[in-house]
Amino acid sequence: FCPWVMGIEKLHEFHAWINTLHPKIKFTMNFAEDPTEGIEYLDTRVYIKDSLIHTTLYTKPSDTHAYLNPNSCHPKHVCTNIPQGVAKRIKRICSEESE
């Protein structure tokens, strides 16, 4: 993830250049021309609002939100602490209370 302020043409030039550095490593690029739209990075959607960078939770369309079967052979505390862990992760990712 990297904020870019040098224009779209320079961004495409940089992307082309960085992909020439190693023959087997290629970088992908996602960008939004309108920064209020935001982009997805890992499990986070990053966007600009009121000239500030904000984040919110992003899940892929294929995500099933399935975590761990409670009947598995894990200790009971592992299964019971998953909701708390997920809630903590969401709270840390979201930059605004309303999300």
N, C-alpha and C. Protein backbone atom coordinates (compact mmCIF):
# COMPACT_ATOMS: atom_id res chain seq x y z
N PHE A 1 0.85 -1.17 0.00
CA PHE A 1 0.00 0.00 0.00
C PHE A 1 0.88 1.23 0.00
N CYS A 2 0.52 2.20 -0.85
CA CYS A 2 1.32 3.42 -0.93
C CYS A 2 0.46 4.54 -1.50
N PRO A 3 0.30 5.65 -0.77
CA PRO A 3 -0.40 6.80 -1.36
C PRO A 3 0.48 7.42 -2.44
N TRP A 4 -0.12 7.82 -3.54
CA TRP A 4 0.63 8.36 -4.69
C TRP A 4 0.08 9.73 -5.04
N VAL A 5 0.95 10.72 -5.15
CA VAL A 5 0.50 12.09 -5.41
C VAL A 5 1.09 12.68 -6.69
N MET A 6 1.74 11.86 -7.51
CA MET A 6 2.45 12.38 -8.68
C MET A 6 1.69 12.20 -9.99
N GLY A 7 0.43 11.85 -9.95
CA GLY A 7 -0.37 11.72 -11.17
C GLY A 7 -0.42 10.30 -11.69
N ILE A 8 -1.46 10.03 -12.47
CA ILE A 8 -1.72 8.67 -12.97
C ILE A 8 -0.66 8.23 -13.99
N GLU A 9 -0.25 9.11 -14.86
CA GLU A 9 0.74 8.75 -15.87
C GLU A 9 2.05 8.31 -15.20
N LYS A 10 2.51 9.08 -14.22
CA LYS A 10 3.73 8.72 -13.50
C LYS A 10 3.55 7.42 -12.72
N LEU A 11 2.35 7.17 -12.22
CA LEU A 11 2.07 5.93 -11.51
C LEU A 11 2.24 4.73 -12.45
N HIS A 12 1.70 4.83 -13.65
CA HIS A 12 1.86 3.74 -14.63
C HIS A 12 3.32 3.56 -15.02
N GLU A 13 4.07 4.66 -15.16
CA GLU A 13 5.51 4.57 -15.46
C GLU A 13 6.24 3.86 -14.33
N PHE A 14 5.92 4.23 -13.08
CA PHE A 14 6.56 3.59 -11.93
C PHE A 14 6.23 2.10 -11.89
N HIS A 15 4.99 1.75 -12.14
CA HIS A 15 4.58 0.34 -12.13
C HIS A 15 5.34 -0.43 -13.20
N ALA A 16 5.47 0.13 -14.38
CA ALA A 16 6.22 -0.54 -15.45
C ALA A 16 7.69 -0.70 -15.05
N TRP A 17 8.27 0.36 -14.47
CA TRP A 17 9.68 0.30 -14.07
C TRP A 17 9.92 -0.74 -12.97
N ILE A 18 9.07 -0.74 -11.95
CA ILE A 18 9.30 -1.65 -10.82
C ILE A 18 9.17 -3.12 -11.26
N ASN A 19 8.39 -3.37 -12.29
CA ASN A 19 8.25 -4.74 -12.78
C ASN A 19 9.43 -5.18 -13.64
N THR A 20 10.37 -4.29 -13.92
CA THR A 20 11.58 -4.67 -14.65
C THR A 20 12.73 -5.03 -13.72
N LEU A 21 12.57 -4.86 -12.42
CA LEU A 21 13.67 -5.05 -11.48
C LEU A 21 14.06 -6.51 -11.29
N HIS A 22 13.11 -7.41 -11.39
CA HIS A 22 13.40 -8.83 -11.21
C HIS A 22 12.56 -9.63 -12.20
N PRO A 23 13.16 -10.57 -12.90
CA PRO A 23 12.40 -11.29 -13.94
C PRO A 23 11.27 -12.16 -13.42
N LYS A 24 11.33 -12.60 -12.16
CA LYS A 24 10.31 -13.51 -11.64
C LYS A 24 9.35 -12.86 -10.64
N ILE A 25 9.61 -11.62 -10.25
CA ILE A 25 8.73 -10.92 -9.32
C ILE A 25 7.98 -9.83 -10.07
N LYS A 26 6.67 -9.90 -10.06
CA LYS A 26 5.84 -8.90 -10.73
C LYS A 26 4.86 -8.32 -9.72
N PHE A 27 4.71 -7.02 -9.75
CA PHE A 27 3.81 -6.32 -8.84
C PHE A 27 2.48 -6.05 -9.52
N THR A 28 1.42 -6.13 -8.75
CA THR A 28 0.11 -5.74 -9.25
C THR A 28 -0.20 -4.35 -8.71
N MET A 29 -1.16 -3.70 -9.32
CA MET A 29 -1.47 -2.35 -8.90
C MET A 29 -2.97 -2.14 -8.92
N ASN A 30 -3.50 -1.62 -7.84
CA ASN A 30 -4.89 -1.19 -7.75
C ASN A 30 -4.87 0.28 -7.36
N PHE A 31 -5.69 1.06 -8.01
CA PHE A 31 -5.75 2.47 -7.65
C PHE A 31 -7.13 3.02 -7.94
N ALA A 32 -7.45 4.13 -7.29
CA ALA A 32 -8.73 4.79 -7.50
C ALA A 32 -8.43 6.23 -7.93
N GLU A 33 -9.01 6.63 -9.05
CA GLU A 33 -8.81 8.01 -9.49
C GLU A 33 -9.48 8.98 -8.54
N ASP A 34 -10.58 8.56 -7.94
CA ASP A 34 -11.27 9.38 -6.95
C ASP A 34 -10.92 8.82 -5.57
N PRO A 35 -10.11 9.54 -4.79
CA PRO A 35 -9.66 8.99 -3.50
C PRO A 35 -10.78 8.72 -2.50
N THR A 36 -11.94 9.31 -2.70
CA THR A 36 -13.04 9.03 -1.77
C THR A 36 -13.62 7.63 -2.01
N GLU A 37 -13.37 7.05 -3.20
CA GLU A 37 -13.82 5.68 -3.48
C GLU A 37 -13.04 4.69 -2.64
N GLY A 38 -11.76 4.90 -2.50
CA GLY A 38 -10.91 4.02 -1.73
C GLY A 38 -10.44 2.82 -2.51
N ILE A 39 -9.49 2.11 -1.90
CA ILE A 39 -8.98 0.87 -2.48
C ILE A 39 -8.91 -0.19 -1.38
N GLU A 40 -8.91 -1.44 -1.81
CA GLU A 40 -8.83 -2.55 -0.86
C GLU A 40 -7.38 -2.99 -0.74
N TYR A 41 -6.96 -3.20 0.48
CA TYR A 41 -5.62 -3.71 0.76
C TYR A 41 -5.74 -4.71 1.91
N LEU A 42 -5.44 -5.96 1.61
CA LEU A 42 -5.62 -7.06 2.55
C LEU A 42 -7.06 -7.08 3.05
N ASP A 43 -7.32 -6.92 4.34
CA ASP A 43 -8.70 -6.94 4.83
C ASP A 43 -9.18 -5.54 5.20
N THR A 44 -8.60 -4.53 4.54
CA THR A 44 -8.89 -3.14 4.85
C THR A 44 -9.26 -2.38 3.58
N ARG A 45 -10.25 -1.51 3.67
CA ARG A 45 -10.55 -0.57 2.59
C ARG A 45 -10.06 0.79 3.07
N VAL A 46 -9.17 1.41 2.29
CA VAL A 46 -8.57 2.69 2.63
C VAL A 46 -9.18 3.75 1.73
N TYR A 47 -9.66 4.85 2.33
CA TYR A 47 -10.26 5.92 1.54
C TYR A 47 -9.97 7.27 2.20
N ILE A 48 -10.19 8.33 1.45
CA ILE A 48 -9.95 9.68 1.96
C ILE A 48 -11.28 10.37 2.16
N LYS A 49 -11.43 10.98 3.35
CA LYS A 49 -12.64 11.72 3.69
C LYS A 49 -12.21 12.95 4.48
N ASP A 50 -12.65 14.11 4.06
CA ASP A 50 -12.28 15.36 4.71
C ASP A 50 -10.76 15.52 4.80
N SER A 51 -10.07 15.17 3.72
CA SER A 51 -8.60 15.28 3.62
C SER A 51 -7.84 14.39 4.60
N LEU A 52 -8.49 13.39 5.18
CA LEU A 52 -7.84 12.46 6.09
C LEU A 52 -7.97 11.04 5.56
N ILE A 53 -6.98 10.21 5.82
CA ILE A 53 -7.03 8.81 5.42
C ILE A 53 -7.85 8.04 6.46
N HIS A 54 -8.85 7.31 5.98
CA HIS A 54 -9.71 6.50 6.85
C HIS A 54 -9.63 5.05 6.41
N THR A 55 -9.98 4.16 7.33
CA THR A 55 -10.00 2.73 7.01
C THR A 55 -11.30 2.11 7.50
N THR A 56 -11.69 1.06 6.81
CA THR A 56 -12.84 0.28 7.22
C THR A 56 -12.58 -1.18 6.85
N LEU A 57 -13.39 -2.07 7.33
CA LEU A 57 -13.21 -3.50 7.06
C LEU A 57 -13.58 -3.82 5.62
N TYR A 58 -12.77 -4.65 5.00
CA TYR A 58 -13.07 -5.14 3.65
C TYR A 58 -13.03 -6.66 3.68
N THR A 59 -14.04 -7.29 3.12
CA THR A 59 -14.03 -8.73 2.95
C THR A 59 -14.27 -9.05 1.48
N LYS A 60 -13.58 -10.04 1.00
CA LYS A 60 -13.74 -10.46 -0.39
C LYS A 60 -15.14 -11.04 -0.57
N PRO A 61 -15.70 -10.91 -1.78
CA PRO A 61 -17.03 -11.48 -2.03
C PRO A 61 -17.10 -12.99 -1.77
N SER A 62 -15.98 -13.67 -1.91
CA SER A 62 -15.98 -15.12 -1.70
C SER A 62 -15.80 -15.52 -0.23
N ASP A 63 -15.60 -14.55 0.67
CA ASP A 63 -15.41 -14.85 2.08
C ASP A 63 -16.69 -15.42 2.69
N THR A 64 -16.57 -16.55 3.36
CA THR A 64 -17.75 -17.20 3.96
C THR A 64 -17.91 -16.84 5.43
N HIS A 65 -16.95 -16.15 6.01
CA HIS A 65 -16.96 -15.78 7.43
C HIS A 65 -17.06 -17.02 8.31
N ALA A 66 -16.55 -18.14 7.82
CA ALA A 66 -16.51 -19.37 8.61
C ALA A 66 -15.17 -19.42 9.34
N TYR A 67 -15.19 -19.63 10.62
CA TYR A 67 -13.96 -19.60 11.39
C TYR A 67 -13.54 -20.98 11.85
N LEU A 68 -14.17 -21.51 12.86
CA LEU A 68 -13.74 -22.79 13.40
C LEU A 68 -14.98 -23.55 13.87
N ASN A 69 -15.07 -24.77 13.46
CA ASN A 69 -16.18 -25.61 13.88
C ASN A 69 -16.08 -25.87 15.38
N PRO A 70 -17.13 -25.55 16.16
CA PRO A 70 -17.06 -25.76 17.62
C PRO A 70 -16.91 -27.23 18.00
N ASN A 71 -17.19 -28.14 17.08
CA ASN A 71 -17.04 -29.57 17.37
C ASN A 71 -15.65 -30.09 17.03
N SER A 72 -14.74 -29.19 16.63
CA SER A 72 -13.39 -29.62 16.30
C SER A 72 -12.63 -29.96 17.58
N CYS A 73 -11.46 -30.49 17.44
CA CYS A 73 -10.67 -30.93 18.61
C CYS A 73 -9.83 -29.82 19.21
N HIS A 74 -10.27 -28.59 19.11
CA HIS A 74 -9.55 -27.48 19.73
C HIS A 74 -10.06 -27.30 21.15
N PRO A 75 -9.23 -26.74 22.03
CA PRO A 75 -9.71 -26.46 23.39
C PRO A 75 -10.91 -25.51 23.34
N LYS A 76 -11.81 -25.65 24.28
CA LYS A 76 -13.05 -24.88 24.29
C LYS A 76 -12.79 -23.37 24.26
N HIS A 77 -11.77 -22.89 24.98
CA HIS A 77 -11.51 -21.46 25.03
C HIS A 77 -11.14 -20.89 23.66
N VAL A 78 -10.58 -21.71 22.79
CA VAL A 78 -10.24 -21.23 21.45
C VAL A 78 -11.50 -20.85 20.69
N CYS A 79 -12.49 -21.74 20.73
CA CYS A 79 -13.76 -21.48 20.02
C CYS A 79 -14.54 -20.33 20.64
N THR A 80 -14.54 -20.24 21.96
CA THR A 80 -15.34 -19.19 22.60
C THR A 80 -14.69 -17.82 22.48
N ASN A 81 -13.39 -17.75 22.22
CA ASN A 81 -12.71 -16.45 22.10
C ASN A 81 -12.68 -15.91 20.67
N ILE A 82 -13.11 -16.68 19.70
CA ILE A 82 -13.10 -16.20 18.31
C ILE A 82 -13.96 -14.95 18.14
N PRO A 83 -15.20 -14.90 18.63
CA PRO A 83 -16.00 -13.68 18.45
C PRO A 83 -15.32 -12.44 19.05
N GLN A 84 -14.71 -12.59 20.21
CA GLN A 84 -14.02 -11.46 20.83
C GLN A 84 -12.83 -11.02 19.97
N GLY A 85 -12.08 -11.97 19.44
CA GLY A 85 -10.94 -11.64 18.58
C GLY A 85 -11.36 -10.94 17.30
N VAL A 86 -12.45 -11.42 16.70
CA VAL A 86 -12.96 -10.80 15.48
C VAL A 86 -13.44 -9.38 15.76
N ALA A 87 -14.15 -9.20 16.87
CA ALA A 87 -14.65 -7.86 17.23
C ALA A 87 -13.48 -6.91 17.48
N LYS A 88 -12.43 -7.37 18.14
CA LYS A 88 -11.25 -6.55 18.39
C LYS A 88 -10.59 -6.13 17.07
N ARG A 89 -10.48 -7.09 16.15
CA ARG A 89 -9.87 -6.81 14.84
C ARG A 89 -10.66 -5.77 14.08
N ILE A 90 -11.97 -5.89 14.08
CA ILE A 90 -12.82 -4.92 13.38
C ILE A 90 -12.69 -3.54 14.00
N LYS A 91 -12.68 -3.49 15.32
CA LYS A 91 -12.54 -2.20 16.01
C LYS A 91 -11.20 -1.53 15.68
N ARG A 92 -10.15 -2.32 15.57
CA ARG A 92 -8.83 -1.77 15.24
C ARG A 92 -8.76 -1.29 13.80
N ILE A 93 -9.43 -1.99 12.90
CA ILE A 93 -9.35 -1.64 11.48
C ILE A 93 -10.18 -0.39 11.16
N CYS A 94 -11.37 -0.29 11.73
CA CYS A 94 -12.27 0.82 11.39
C CYS A 94 -11.83 2.10 12.08
N SER A 95 -11.65 3.14 11.28
CA SER A 95 -11.18 4.40 11.84
C SER A 95 -12.32 5.27 12.36
N GLU A 96 -13.55 4.95 12.00
CA GLU A 96 -14.70 5.72 12.47
C GLU A 96 -15.60 4.84 13.32
N GLU A 97 -16.10 5.36 14.42
CA GLU A 97 -16.96 4.60 15.34
C GLU A 97 -18.23 4.09 14.67
N SER A 98 -18.74 4.82 13.68
CA SER A 98 -20.02 4.48 13.05
C SER A 98 -19.92 3.23 12.16
N GLU A 99 -18.73 2.76 11.90
CA GLU A 99 -18.59 1.62 10.98
C GLU A 99 -18.57 0.33 11.71
